[in-house]
Amino acid sequence: MEKLSQQEEDVMQVVWQMGEGFIKDFLDQMAEPKPPYTTLASTIKNLERKEFLRGDKLGNSYKYSALIKEEDYKKRFMNGFVNNYFQNSYKELVTFFAQNKKISTDELQEIIKMIENPKK
C-alpha cells in the first residue's frame, strides 16, 4: 500500500467520516483553510489512481467511496511507523512515550489490562 501525503490523508479522513460523496460534499466537510476545488479534485483523482477511492459515474459527476477501510490503513501505517522508527518493537514505542512523559502510569495499567484480557 502506497504511503499517503498529509493532504491525501486529510481527504481520506473526510471520506471515511462521510462514507461516500461528491467532491463538493467532501470540500464542505474539510477543515479551514479549505483547499481550492481543483486541488481537492486532483487529490481525489490521485487517491483513485492509488486505489484508495472508487469513483462511480452519476450523470456528469462522480460519487466517490473508500476502497480501503480506515482500520486497515491505520494498521499498515502503524506497522510501518514502528518498523521504521522503533526497530519493529512496540516496547520501544511505549518506552519512548513513557520517557517523554506522553503516557501516564494509569494509561499503562489500562494497556496492560487490555493485553491480559483482550476483547473477543
PDB file of N, CA and C in Angstrom:
ATOM      1  N   MET A   1       0.855  -1.180   0.000  1.00  0.00           N
ATOM      2  CA  MET A   1       0.000   0.000   0.000  1.00  0.00           C
ATOM      3  C   MET A   1       0.895   1.235   0.000  1.00  0.00           C
ATOM      4  N   GLU A   2       0.598   2.126  -0.896  1.00  0.00           N
ATOM      5  CA  GLU A   2       1.381   3.347  -1.032  1.00  0.00           C
ATOM      6  C   GLU A   2       1.118   4.294   0.140  1.00  0.00           C
ATOM      7  N   LYS A   3       2.169   4.960   0.603  1.00  0.00           N
ATOM      8  CA  LYS A   3       2.015   5.931   1.682  1.00  0.00           C
ATOM      9  C   LYS A   3       1.310   7.167   1.137  1.00  0.00           C
ATOM     10  N   LEU A   4       0.437   7.726   1.933  1.00  0.00           N
ATOM     11  CA  LEU A   4      -0.301   8.915   1.520  1.00  0.00           C
ATOM     12  C   LEU A   4       0.381  10.177   2.016  1.00  0.00           C
ATOM     13  N   SER A   5       0.234  11.244   1.241  1.00  0.00           N
ATOM     14  CA  SER A   5       0.705  12.555   1.682  1.00  0.00           C
ATOM     15  C   SER A   5      -0.256  13.062   2.760  1.00  0.00           C
ATOM     16  N   GLN A   6       0.129  14.115   3.474  1.00  0.00           N
ATOM     17  CA  GLN A   6      -0.749  14.681   4.502  1.00  0.00           C
ATOM     18  C   GLN A   6      -2.061  15.140   3.883  1.00  0.00           C
ATOM     19  N   GLN A   7      -1.984  15.758   2.725  1.00  0.00           N
ATOM     20  CA  GLN A   7      -3.182  16.236   2.034  1.00  0.00           C
ATOM     21  C   GLN A   7      -4.105  15.063   1.671  1.00  0.00           C
ATOM     22  N   GLU A   8      -3.519  13.968   1.197  1.00  0.00           N
ATOM     23  CA  GLU A   8      -4.302  12.783   0.864  1.00  0.00           C
ATOM     24  C   GLU A   8      -4.925  12.159   2.106  1.00  0.00           C
ATOM     25  N   GLU A   9      -4.172  12.122   3.198  1.00  0.00           N
ATOM     26  CA  GLU A   9      -4.718  11.585   4.452  1.00  0.00           C
ATOM     27  C   GLU A   9      -5.881  12.435   4.944  1.00  0.00           C
ATOM     28  N   ASP A  10      -5.751  13.752   4.819  1.00  0.00           N
ATOM     29  CA  ASP A  10      -6.836  14.644   5.239  1.00  0.00           C
ATOM     30  C   ASP A  10      -8.109  14.352   4.453  1.00  0.00           C
ATOM     31  N   VAL A  11      -7.961  14.147   3.155  1.00  0.00           N
ATOM     32  CA  VAL A  11      -9.118  13.835   2.315  1.00  0.00           C
ATOM     33  C   VAL A  11      -9.701  12.486   2.715  1.00  0.00           C
ATOM     34  N   MET A  12      -8.845  11.489   2.924  1.00  0.00           N
ATOM     35  CA  MET A  12      -9.347  10.167   3.301  1.00  0.00           C
ATOM     36  C   MET A  12     -10.086  10.216   4.637  1.00  0.00           C
ATOM     37  N   GLN A  13      -9.624  11.044   5.569  1.00  0.00           N
ATOM     38  CA  GLN A  13     -10.334  11.172   6.852  1.00  0.00           C
ATOM     39  C   GLN A  13     -11.772  11.640   6.618  1.00  0.00           C
ATOM     40  N   VAL A  14     -11.945  12.594   5.717  1.00  0.00           N
ATOM     41  CA  VAL A  14     -13.286  13.104   5.409  1.00  0.00           C
ATOM     42  C   VAL A  14     -14.114  12.016   4.723  1.00  0.00           C
ATOM     43  N   VAL A  15     -13.514  11.310   3.772  1.00  0.00           N
ATOM     44  CA  VAL A  15     -14.232  10.243   3.062  1.00  0.00           C
ATOM     45  C   VAL A  15     -14.666   9.164   4.052  1.00  0.00           C
ATOM     46  N   TRP A  16     -13.752   8.739   4.925  1.00  0.00           N
ATOM     47  CA  TRP A  16     -14.108   7.710   5.913  1.00  0.00           C
ATOM     48  C   TRP A  16     -15.221   8.190   6.825  1.00  0.00           C
ATOM     49  N   GLN A  17     -15.184   9.448   7.196  1.00  0.00           N
ATOM     50  CA  GLN A  17     -16.210  10.012   8.074  1.00  0.00           C
ATOM     51  C   GLN A  17     -17.573  10.032   7.368  1.00  0.00           C
ATOM     52  N   MET A  18     -17.582  10.404   6.093  1.00  0.00           N
ATOM     53  CA  MET A  18     -18.842  10.542   5.349  1.00  0.00           C
ATOM     54  C   MET A  18     -19.327   9.239   4.718  1.00  0.00           C
ATOM     55  N   GLY A  19     -18.415   8.342   4.411  1.00  0.00           N
ATOM     56  CA  GLY A  19     -18.781   7.097   3.752  1.00  0.00           C
ATOM     57  C   GLY A  19     -18.693   7.195   2.241  1.00  0.00           C
ATOM     58  N   GLU A  20     -19.352   8.174   1.667  1.00  0.00           N
ATOM     59  CA  GLU A  20     -19.289   8.418   0.237  1.00  0.00           C
ATOM     60  C   GLU A  20     -19.777   9.824  -0.045  1.00  0.00           C
ATOM     61  N   GLY A  21     -19.478  10.315  -1.241  1.00  0.00           N
ATOM     62  CA  GLY A  21     -19.947  11.646  -1.586  1.00  0.00           C
ATOM     63  C   GLY A  21     -19.299  12.175  -2.843  1.00  0.00           C
ATOM     64  N   PHE A  22     -19.699  13.363  -3.185  1.00  0.00           N
ATOM     65  CA  PHE A  22     -19.155  14.077  -4.330  1.00  0.00           C
ATOM     66  C   PHE A  22     -18.059  15.023  -3.840  1.00  0.00           C
ATOM     67  N   ILE A  23     -17.244  15.508  -4.757  1.00  0.00           N
ATOM     68  CA  ILE A  23     -16.137  16.386  -4.380  1.00  0.00           C
ATOM     69  C   ILE A  23     -16.638  17.565  -3.548  1.00  0.00           C
ATOM     70  N   LYS A  24     -17.728  18.177  -3.969  1.00  0.00           N
ATOM     71  CA  LYS A  24     -18.266  19.330  -3.226  1.00  0.00           C
ATOM     72  C   LYS A  24     -18.652  18.944  -1.797  1.00  0.00           C
ATOM     73  N   ASP A  25     -19.218  17.746  -1.619  1.00  0.00           N
ATOM     74  CA  ASP A  25     -19.582  17.275  -0.280  1.00  0.00           C
ATOM     75  C   ASP A  25     -18.344  17.180   0.613  1.00  0.00           C
ATOM     76  N   PHE A  26     -17.272  16.634   0.052  1.00  0.00           N
ATOM     77  CA  PHE A  26     -16.035  16.500   0.824  1.00  0.00           C
ATOM     78  C   PHE A  26     -15.463  17.869   1.150  1.00  0.00           C
ATOM     79  N   LEU A  27     -15.492  18.756   0.174  1.00  0.00           N
ATOM     80  CA  LEU A  27     -14.976  20.114   0.376  1.00  0.00           C
ATOM     81  C   LEU A  27     -15.720  20.811   1.510  1.00  0.00           C
ATOM     82  N   ASP A  28     -17.034  20.640   1.551  1.00  0.00           N
ATOM     83  CA  ASP A  28     -17.846  21.256   2.609  1.00  0.00           C
ATOM     84  C   ASP A  28     -17.457  20.758   3.997  1.00  0.00           C
ATOM     85  N   GLN A  29     -16.988  19.521   4.097  1.00  0.00           N
ATOM     86  CA  GLN A  29     -16.648  18.928   5.390  1.00  0.00           C
ATOM     87  C   GLN A  29     -15.199  19.153   5.817  1.00  0.00           C
ATOM     88  N   MET A  30     -14.383  19.676   4.915  1.00  0.00           N
ATOM     89  CA  MET A  30     -12.963  19.852   5.236  1.00  0.00           C
ATOM     90  C   MET A  30     -12.750  21.042   6.166  1.00  0.00           C
ATOM     91  N   ALA A  31     -11.708  20.930   6.970  1.00  0.00           N
ATOM     92  CA  ALA A  31     -11.360  21.994   7.926  1.00  0.00           C
ATOM     93  C   ALA A  31     -10.772  23.186   7.175  1.00  0.00           C
ATOM     94  N   GLU A  32     -10.883  24.338   7.797  1.00  0.00           N
ATOM     95  CA  GLU A  32     -10.284  25.561   7.257  1.00  0.00           C
ATOM     96  C   GLU A  32      -8.781  25.512   7.475  1.00  0.00           C
ATOM     97  N   PRO A  33      -7.977  26.045   6.613  1.00  0.00           N
ATOM     98  CA  PRO A  33      -8.346  26.623   5.326  1.00  0.00           C
ATOM     99  C   PRO A  33      -8.608  25.508   4.318  1.00  0.00           C
ATOM    100  N   LYS A  34      -9.764  25.586   3.667  1.00  0.00           N
ATOM    101  CA  LYS A  34     -10.150  24.575   2.686  1.00  0.00           C
ATOM    102  C   LYS A  34      -9.307  24.726   1.422  1.00  0.00           C
ATOM    103  N   PRO A  35      -8.951  23.603   0.812  1.00  0.00           N
ATOM    104  CA  PRO A  35      -8.203  23.691  -0.444  1.00  0.00           C
ATOM    105  C   PRO A  35      -9.129  24.174  -1.564  1.00  0.00           C
ATOM    106  N   PRO A  36      -8.572  24.728  -2.637  1.00  0.00           N
ATOM    107  CA  PRO A  36      -9.410  25.058  -3.796  1.00  0.00           C
ATOM    108  C   PRO A  36     -10.060  23.782  -4.350  1.00  0.00           C
ATOM    109  N   TYR A  37     -11.214  23.922  -4.951  1.00  0.00           N
ATOM    110  CA  TYR A  37     -11.949  22.793  -5.512  1.00  0.00           C
ATOM    111  C   TYR A  37     -11.065  21.985  -6.453  1.00  0.00           C
ATOM    112  N   THR A  38     -10.317  22.662  -7.307  1.00  0.00           N
ATOM    113  CA  THR A  38      -9.483  21.960  -8.288  1.00  0.00           C
ATOM    114  C   THR A  38      -8.370  21.151  -7.616  1.00  0.00           C
ATOM    115  N   THR A  39      -7.828  21.669  -6.533  1.00  0.00           N
ATOM    116  CA  THR A  39      -6.797  20.945  -5.785  1.00  0.00           C
ATOM    117  C   THR A  39      -7.380  19.680  -5.166  1.00  0.00           C
ATOM    118  N   LEU A  40      -8.567  19.829  -4.577  1.00  0.00           N
ATOM    119  CA  LEU A  40      -9.232  18.660  -3.981  1.00  0.00           C
ATOM    120  C   LEU A  40      -9.556  17.634  -5.065  1.00  0.00           C
ATOM    121  N   ALA A  41     -10.022  18.088  -6.222  1.00  0.00           N
ATOM    122  CA  ALA A  41     -10.339  17.174  -7.322  1.00  0.00           C
ATOM    123  C   ALA A  41      -9.091  16.405  -7.764  1.00  0.00           C
ATOM    124  N   SER A  42      -7.952  17.089  -7.843  1.00  0.00           N
ATOM    125  CA  SER A  42      -6.692  16.422  -8.215  1.00  0.00           C
ATOM    126  C   SER A  42      -6.277  15.403  -7.169  1.00  0.00           C
ATOM    127  N   THR A  43      -6.428  15.767  -5.903  1.00  0.00           N
ATOM    128  CA  THR A  43      -6.079  14.849  -4.815  1.00  0.00           C
ATOM    129  C   THR A  43      -6.964  13.609  -4.867  1.00  0.00           C
ATOM    130  N   ILE A  44      -8.242  13.806  -5.109  1.00  0.00           N
ATOM    131  CA  ILE A  44      -9.167  12.672  -5.197  1.00  0.00           C
ATOM    132  C   ILE A  44      -8.808  11.779  -6.384  1.00  0.00           C
ATOM    133  N   LYS A  45      -8.444  12.374  -7.512  1.00  0.00           N
ATOM    134  CA  LYS A  45      -8.020  11.573  -8.673  1.00  0.00           C
ATOM    135  C   LYS A  45      -6.759  10.770  -8.343  1.00  0.00           C
ATOM    136  N   ASN A  46      -5.823  11.365  -7.600  1.00  0.00           N
ATOM    137  CA  ASN A  46      -4.614  10.635  -7.179  1.00  0.00           C
ATOM    138  C   ASN A  46      -4.988   9.470  -6.271  1.00  0.00           C
ATOM    139  N   LEU A  47      -5.929   9.694  -5.366  1.00  0.00           N
ATOM    140  CA  LEU A  47      -6.366   8.626  -4.460  1.00  0.00           C
ATOM    141  C   LEU A  47      -7.070   7.511  -5.232  1.00  0.00           C
ATOM    142  N   GLU A  48      -7.772   7.883  -6.271  1.00  0.00           N
ATOM    143  CA  GLU A  48      -8.411   6.879  -7.120  1.00  0.00           C
ATOM    144  C   GLU A  48      -7.348   6.075  -7.873  1.00  0.00           C
ATOM    145  N   ARG A  49      -6.341   6.772  -8.387  1.00  0.00           N
ATOM    146  CA  ARG A  49      -5.243   6.096  -9.099  1.00  0.00           C
ATOM    147  C   ARG A  49      -4.489   5.148  -8.170  1.00  0.00           C
ATOM    148  N   LYS A  50      -4.323   5.549  -6.903  1.00  0.00           N
ATOM    149  CA  LYS A  50      -3.629   4.723  -5.914  1.00  0.00           C
ATOM    150  C   LYS A  50      -4.530   3.621  -5.349  1.00  0.00           C
ATOM    151  N   GLU A  51      -5.774   3.582  -5.820  1.00  0.00           N
ATOM    152  CA  GLU A  51      -6.757   2.570  -5.419  1.00  0.00           C
ATOM    153  C   GLU A  51      -7.189   2.687  -3.957  1.00  0.00           C
ATOM    154  N   PHE A  52      -7.258   3.927  -3.470  1.00  0.00           N
ATOM    155  CA  PHE A  52      -7.825   4.192  -2.155  1.00  0.00           C
ATOM    156  C   PHE A  52      -9.302   4.565  -2.280  1.00  0.00           C
ATOM    157  N   LEU A  53      -9.679   5.130  -3.442  1.00  0.00           N
ATOM    158  CA  LEU A  53     -11.053   5.544  -3.698  1.00  0.00           C
ATOM    159  C   LEU A  53     -11.571   4.917  -4.978  1.00  0.00           C
ATOM    160  N   ARG A  54     -12.886   4.789  -5.025  1.00  0.00           N
ATOM    161  CA  ARG A  54     -13.561   4.356  -6.241  1.00  0.00           C
ATOM    162  C   ARG A  54     -14.530   5.465  -6.634  1.00  0.00           C
ATOM    163  N   GLY A  55     -14.531   5.820  -7.912  1.00  0.00           N
ATOM    164  CA  GLY A  55     -15.464   6.818  -8.412  1.00  0.00           C
ATOM    165  C   GLY A  55     -16.513   6.169  -9.292  1.00  0.00           C
ATOM    166  N   ASP A  56     -17.790   6.371  -8.945  1.00  0.00           N
ATOM    167  CA  ASP A  56     -18.893   5.843  -9.739  1.00  0.00           C
ATOM    168  C   ASP A  56     -19.559   7.007 -10.463  1.00  0.00           C
ATOM    169  N   LYS A  57     -19.638   6.919 -11.787  1.00  0.00           N
ATOM    170  CA  LYS A  57     -20.202   7.995 -12.592  1.00  0.00           C
ATOM    171  C   LYS A  57     -21.711   8.058 -12.404  1.00  0.00           C
ATOM    172  N   LEU A  58     -22.184   9.249 -12.041  1.00  0.00           N
ATOM    173  CA  LEU A  58     -23.615   9.516 -11.903  1.00  0.00           C
ATOM    174  C   LEU A  58     -23.908  10.787 -12.685  1.00  0.00           C
ATOM    175  N   GLY A  59     -24.475  10.630 -13.871  1.00  0.00           N
ATOM    176  CA  GLY A  59     -24.713  11.790 -14.728  1.00  0.00           C
ATOM    177  C   GLY A  59     -23.387  12.376 -15.171  1.00  0.00           C
ATOM    178  N   ASN A  60     -23.192  13.649 -14.885  1.00  0.00           N
ATOM    179  CA  ASN A  60     -21.946  14.333 -15.248  1.00  0.00           C
ATOM    180  C   ASN A  60     -20.939  14.375 -14.106  1.00  0.00           C
ATOM    181  N   SER A  61     -21.239  13.720 -13.004  1.00  0.00           N
ATOM    182  CA  SER A  61     -20.376  13.765 -11.822  1.00  0.00           C
ATOM    183  C   SER A  61     -19.948  12.366 -11.421  1.00  0.00           C
ATOM    184  N   TYR A  62     -19.043  12.328 -10.461  1.00  0.00           N
ATOM    185  CA  TYR A  62     -18.603  11.068  -9.883  1.00  0.00           C
ATOM    186  C   TYR A  62     -18.880  11.092  -8.388  1.00  0.00           C
ATOM    187  N   LYS A  63     -19.395   9.973  -7.894  1.00  0.00           N
ATOM    188  CA  LYS A  63     -19.593   9.786  -6.459  1.00  0.00           C
ATOM    189  C   LYS A  63     -18.484   8.866  -5.993  1.00  0.00           C
ATOM    190  N   TYR A  64     -17.754   9.297  -4.971  1.00  0.00           N
ATOM    191  CA  TYR A  64     -16.571   8.571  -4.513  1.00  0.00           C
ATOM    192  C   TYR A  64     -16.833   7.868  -3.193  1.00  0.00           C
ATOM    193  N   SER A  65     -16.192   6.707  -3.059  1.00  0.00           N
ATOM    194  CA  SER A  65     -16.237   5.961  -1.802  1.00  0.00           C
ATOM    195  C   SER A  65     -14.883   5.289  -1.594  1.00  0.00           C
ATOM    196  N   ALA A  66     -14.599   4.964  -0.347  1.00  0.00           N
ATOM    197  CA  ALA A  66     -13.303   4.380   0.011  1.00  0.00           C
ATOM    198  C   ALA A  66     -13.227   2.910  -0.401  1.00  0.00           C
ATOM    199  N   LEU A  67     -12.080   2.526  -0.936  1.00  0.00           N
ATOM    200  CA  LEU A  67     -11.804   1.119  -1.218  1.00  0.00           C
ATOM    201  C   LEU A  67     -11.010   0.489  -0.075  1.00  0.00           C
ATOM    202  N   ILE A  68     -10.377   1.327   0.726  1.00  0.00           N
ATOM    203  CA  ILE A  68      -9.561   0.885   1.860  1.00  0.00           C
ATOM    204  C   ILE A  68     -10.261   1.311   3.148  1.00  0.00           C
ATOM    205  N   LYS A  69     -10.439   0.377   4.057  1.00  0.00           N
ATOM    206  CA  LYS A  69     -11.041   0.713   5.353  1.00  0.00           C
ATOM    207  C   LYS A  69     -10.040   1.496   6.197  1.00  0.00           C
ATOM    208  N   GLU A  70     -10.575   2.420   6.983  1.00  0.00           N
ATOM    209  CA  GLU A  70      -9.723   3.243   7.842  1.00  0.00           C
ATOM    210  C   GLU A  70      -8.873   2.381   8.773  1.00  0.00           C
ATOM    211  N   GLU A  71      -9.466   1.349   9.331  1.00  0.00           N
ATOM    212  CA  GLU A  71      -8.760   0.471  10.270  1.00  0.00           C
ATOM    213  C   GLU A  71      -7.592  -0.237   9.582  1.00  0.00           C
ATOM    214  N   ASP A  72      -7.795  -0.671   8.329  1.00  0.00           N
ATOM    215  CA  ASP A  72      -6.719  -1.328   7.585  1.00  0.00           C
ATOM    216  C   ASP A  72      -5.563  -0.368   7.320  1.00  0.00           C
ATOM    217  N   TYR A  73      -5.898   0.873   6.981  1.00  0.00           N
ATOM    218  CA  TYR A  73      -4.850   1.865   6.729  1.00  0.00           C
ATOM    219  C   TYR A  73      -4.069   2.148   8.020  1.00  0.00           C
ATOM    220  N   LYS A  74      -4.789   2.307   9.123  1.00  0.00           N
ATOM    221  CA  LYS A  74      -4.125   2.565  10.410  1.00  0.00           C
ATOM    222  C   LYS A  74      -3.162   1.434  10.761  1.00  0.00           C
ATOM    223  N   LYS A  75      -3.594   0.203  10.587  1.00  0.00           N
ATOM    224  CA  LYS A  75      -2.739  -0.943  10.917  1.00  0.00           C
ATOM    225  C   LYS A  75      -1.463  -0.923  10.091  1.00  0.00           C
ATOM    226  N   ARG A  76      -1.609  -0.722   8.775  1.00  0.00           N
ATOM    227  CA  ARG A  76      -0.428  -0.717   7.907  1.00  0.00           C
ATOM    228  C   ARG A  76       0.474   0.471   8.205  1.00  0.00           C
ATOM    229  N   PHE A  77      -0.142   1.631   8.447  1.00  0.00           N
ATOM    230  CA  PHE A  77       0.644   2.820   8.756  1.00  0.00           C
ATOM    231  C   PHE A  77       1.425   2.614  10.048  1.00  0.00           C
ATOM    232  N   MET A  78       0.765   2.138  11.088  1.00  0.00           N
ATOM    233  CA  MET A  78       1.429   1.955  12.382  1.00  0.00           C
ATOM    234  C   MET A  78       2.506   0.887  12.308  1.00  0.00           C
ATOM    235  N   ASN A  79       2.248  -0.193  11.581  1.00  0.00           N
ATOM    236  CA  ASN A  79       3.271  -1.221  11.436  1.00  0.00           C
ATOM    237  C   ASN A  79       4.514  -0.651  10.764  1.00  0.00           C
ATOM    238  N   GLY A  80       4.329   0.135   9.718  1.00  0.00           N
ATOM    239  CA  GLY A  80       5.459   0.765   9.035  1.00  0.00           C
ATOM    240  C   GLY A  80       6.164   1.769   9.915  1.00  0.00           C
ATOM    241  N   PHE A  81       5.378   2.548  10.662  1.00  0.00           N
ATOM    242  CA  PHE A  81       5.938   3.562  11.561  1.00  0.00           C
ATOM    243  C   PHE A  81       6.805   2.909  12.640  1.00  0.00           C
ATOM    244  N   VAL A  82       6.275   1.874  13.272  1.00  0.00           N
ATOM    245  CA  VAL A  82       7.022   1.181  14.327  1.00  0.00           C
ATOM    246  C   VAL A  82       8.266   0.515  13.740  1.00  0.00           C
ATOM    247  N   ASN A  83       8.137  -0.055  12.575  1.00  0.00           N
ATOM    248  CA  ASN A  83       9.280  -0.695  11.920  1.00  0.00           C
ATOM    249  C   ASN A  83      10.369   0.335  11.600  1.00  0.00           C
ATOM    250  N   ASN A  84       9.978   1.477  11.051  1.00  0.00           N
ATOM    251  CA  ASN A  84      10.949   2.482  10.610  1.00  0.00           C
ATOM    252  C   ASN A  84      11.599   3.254  11.756  1.00  0.00           C
ATOM    253  N   TYR A  85      10.850   3.540  12.808  1.00  0.00           N
ATOM    254  CA  TYR A  85      11.363   4.417  13.859  1.00  0.00           C
ATOM    255  C   TYR A  85      11.699   3.705  15.171  1.00  0.00           C
ATOM    256  N   PHE A  86      11.183   2.498  15.374  1.00  0.00           N
ATOM    257  CA  PHE A  86      11.383   1.817  16.654  1.00  0.00           C
ATOM    258  C   PHE A  86      11.861   0.383  16.482  1.00  0.00           C
ATOM    259  N   GLN A  87      12.613   0.123  15.406  1.00  0.00           N
ATOM    260  CA  GLN A  87      13.197  -1.188  15.131  1.00  0.00           C
ATOM    261  C   GLN A  87      12.169  -2.317  15.255  1.00  0.00           C
ATOM    262  N   ASN A  88      10.954  -2.054  14.812  1.00  0.00           N
ATOM    263  CA  ASN A  88       9.864  -3.019  14.830  1.00  0.00           C
ATOM    264  C   ASN A  88       9.523  -3.500  16.242  1.00  0.00           C
ATOM    265  N   SER A  89       9.741  -2.643  17.234  1.00  0.00           N
ATOM    266  CA  SER A  89       9.485  -3.004  18.629  1.00  0.00           C
ATOM    267  C   SER A  89       8.432  -2.067  19.230  1.00  0.00           C
ATOM    268  N   TYR A  90       7.281  -2.650  19.557  1.00  0.00           N
ATOM    269  CA  TYR A  90       6.246  -1.846  20.208  1.00  0.00           C
ATOM    270  C   TYR A  90       6.664  -1.491  21.632  1.00  0.00           C
ATOM    271  N   LYS A  91       7.519  -2.304  22.219  1.00  0.00           N
ATOM    272  CA  LYS A  91       8.058  -1.981  23.538  1.00  0.00           C
ATOM    273  C   LYS A  91       8.865  -0.686  23.450  1.00  0.00           C
ATOM    274  N   GLU A  92       9.680  -0.550  22.400  1.00  0.00           N
ATOM    275  CA  GLU A  92      10.456   0.687  22.211  1.00  0.00           C
ATOM    276  C   GLU A  92       9.527   1.884  22.016  1.00  0.00           C
ATOM    277  N   LEU A  93       8.419   1.692  21.315  1.00  0.00           N
ATOM    278  CA  LEU A  93       7.448   2.761  21.110  1.00  0.00           C
ATOM    279  C   LEU A  93       6.862   3.227  22.439  1.00  0.00           C
ATOM    280  N   VAL A  94       6.414   2.275  23.253  1.00  0.00           N
ATOM    281  CA  VAL A  94       5.824   2.619  24.547  1.00  0.00           C
ATOM    282  C   VAL A  94       6.879   3.242  25.459  1.00  0.00           C
ATOM    283  N   THR A  95       8.098   2.714  25.428  1.00  0.00           N
ATOM    284  CA  THR A  95       9.195   3.274  26.229  1.00  0.00           C
ATOM    285  C   THR A  95       9.457   4.724  25.838  1.00  0.00           C
ATOM    286  N   PHE A  96       9.445   5.009  24.549  1.00  0.00           N
ATOM    287  CA  PHE A  96       9.637   6.375  24.063  1.00  0.00           C
ATOM    288  C   PHE A  96       8.596   7.310  24.671  1.00  0.00           C
ATOM    289  N   PHE A  97       7.322   6.905  24.629  1.00  0.00           N
ATOM    290  CA  PHE A  97       6.262   7.753  25.171  1.00  0.00           C
ATOM    291  C   PHE A  97       6.363   7.875  26.692  1.00  0.00           C
ATOM    292  N   ALA A  98       6.743   6.814  27.355  1.00  0.00           N
ATOM    293  CA  ALA A  98       6.887   6.864  28.811  1.00  0.00           C
ATOM    294  C   ALA A  98       8.032   7.787  29.211  1.00  0.00           C
ATOM    295  N   GLN A  99       9.166   7.686  28.533  1.00  0.00           N
ATOM    296  CA  GLN A  99      10.326   8.525  28.860  1.00  0.00           C
ATOM    297  C   GLN A  99      10.060  10.000  28.581  1.00  0.00           C
ATOM    298  N   ASN A 100       9.214  10.276  27.612  1.00  0.00           N
ATOM    299  CA  ASN A 100       8.894  11.657  27.269  1.00  0.00           C
ATOM    300  C   ASN A 100       7.620  12.143  27.950  1.00  0.00           C
ATOM    301  N   LYS A 101       7.185  11.373  28.945  1.00  0.00           N
ATOM    302  CA  LYS A 101       6.016  11.712  29.754  1.00  0.00           C
ATOM    303  C   LYS A 101       4.780  12.024  28.903  1.00  0.00           C
ATOM    304  N   LYS A 102       4.582  11.191  27.880  1.00  0.00           N
ATOM    305  CA  LYS A 102       3.419  11.325  27.000  1.00  0.00           C
ATOM    306  C   LYS A 102       2.363  10.284  27.323  1.00  0.00           C
ATOM    307  N   ILE A 103       2.690   9.404  28.279  1.00  0.00           N
ATOM    308  CA  ILE A 103       1.749   8.379  28.698  1.00  0.00           C
ATOM    309  C   ILE A 103       1.872   8.236  30.211  1.00  0.00           C
ATOM    310  N   SER A 104       0.730   8.159  30.885  1.00  0.00           N
ATOM    311  CA  SER A 104       0.737   8.100  32.350  1.00  0.00           C
ATOM    312  C   SER A 104       0.779   6.653  32.842  1.00  0.00           C
ATOM    313  N   THR A 105       1.056   6.500  34.120  1.00  0.00           N
ATOM    314  CA  THR A 105       1.058   5.185  34.748  1.00  0.00           C
ATOM    315  C   THR A 105      -0.326   4.557  34.642  1.00  0.00           C
ATOM    316  N   ASP A 106      -1.364   5.365  34.844  1.00  0.00           N
ATOM    317  CA  ASP A 106      -2.731   4.845  34.737  1.00  0.00           C
ATOM    318  C   ASP A 106      -3.010   4.337  33.322  1.00  0.00           C
ATOM    319  N   GLU A 107      -2.546   5.070  32.325  1.00  0.00           N
ATOM    320  CA  GLU A 107      -2.748   4.637  30.939  1.00  0.00           C
ATOM    321  C   GLU A 107      -1.990   3.350  30.660  1.00  0.00           C
ATOM    322  N   LEU A 108      -0.779   3.230  31.204  1.00  0.00           N
ATOM    323  CA  LEU A 108      -0.012   1.996  31.034  1.00  0.00           C
ATOM    324  C   LEU A 108      -0.726   0.816  31.699  1.00  0.00           C
ATOM    325  N   GLN A 109      -1.292   1.050  32.878  1.00  0.00           N
ATOM    326  CA  GLN A 109      -2.047  -0.007  33.560  1.00  0.00           C
ATOM    327  C   GLN A 109      -3.251  -0.437  32.728  1.00  0.00           C
ATOM    328  N   GLU A 110      -3.914   0.538  32.098  1.00  0.00           N
ATOM    329  CA  GLU A 110      -5.049   0.241  31.223  1.00  0.00           C
ATOM    330  C   GLU A 110      -4.615  -0.635  30.044  1.00  0.00           C
ATOM    331  N   ILE A 111      -3.465  -0.303  29.470  1.00  0.00           N
ATOM    332  CA  ILE A 111      -2.932  -1.070  28.342  1.00  0.00           C
ATOM    333  C   ILE A 111      -2.618  -2.496  28.778  1.00  0.00           C
ATOM    334  N   ILE A 112      -2.016  -2.640  29.957  1.00  0.00           N
ATOM    335  CA  ILE A 112      -1.712  -3.986  30.486  1.00  0.00           C
ATOM    336  C   ILE A 112      -2.981  -4.788  30.661  1.00  0.00           C
ATOM    337  N   LYS A 113      -4.036  -4.158  31.185  1.00  0.00           N
ATOM    338  CA  LYS A 113      -5.325  -4.866  31.344  1.00  0.00           C
ATOM    339  C   LYS A 113      -5.882  -5.299  29.994  1.00  0.00           C
ATOM    340  N   MET A 114      -5.763  -4.439  28.995  1.00  0.00           N
ATOM    341  CA  MET A 114      -6.264  -4.782  27.657  1.00  0.00           C
ATOM    342  C   MET A 114      -5.475  -5.953  27.063  1.00  0.00           C
ATOM    343  N   ILE A 115      -4.191  -6.003  27.342  1.00  0.00           N
ATOM    344  CA  ILE A 115      -3.357  -7.104  26.846  1.00  0.00           C
ATOM    345  C   ILE A 115      -3.717  -8.399  27.562  1.00  0.00           C
ATOM    346  N   GLU A 116      -3.904  -8.320  28.863  1.00  0.00           N
ATOM    347  CA  GLU A 116      -4.218  -9.508  29.651  1.00  0.00           C
ATOM    348  C   GLU A 116      -5.636 -10.032  29.396  1.00  0.00           C
ATOM    349  N   ASN A 117      -6.553  -9.135  29.079  1.00  0.00           N
ATOM    350  CA  ASN A 117      -7.953  -9.516  28.863  1.00  0.00           C
ATOM    351  C   ASN A 117      -8.461  -8.942  27.541  1.00  0.00           C
ATOM    352  N   PRO A 118      -7.976  -9.466  26.416  1.00  0.00           N
ATOM    353  CA  PRO A 118      -8.401  -8.912  25.130  1.00  0.00           C
ATOM    354  C   PRO A 118      -9.895  -9.172  24.882  1.00  0.00           C
ATOM    355  N   LYS A 119     -10.549  -8.224  24.227  1.00  0.00           N
ATOM    356  CA  LYS A 119     -11.943  -8.419  23.847  1.00  0.00           C
ATOM    357  C   LYS A 119     -12.001  -9.448  22.735  1.00  0.00           C
ATOM    358  N   LYS A 120     -13.007 -10.262  22.802  1.00  0.00           N
ATOM    359  CA  LYS A 120     -13.129 -11.320  21.781  1.00  0.00           C
ATOM    360  C   LYS A 120     -14.254 -11.026  20.857  1.00  0.00           C
TER     361      LYS A 120
END
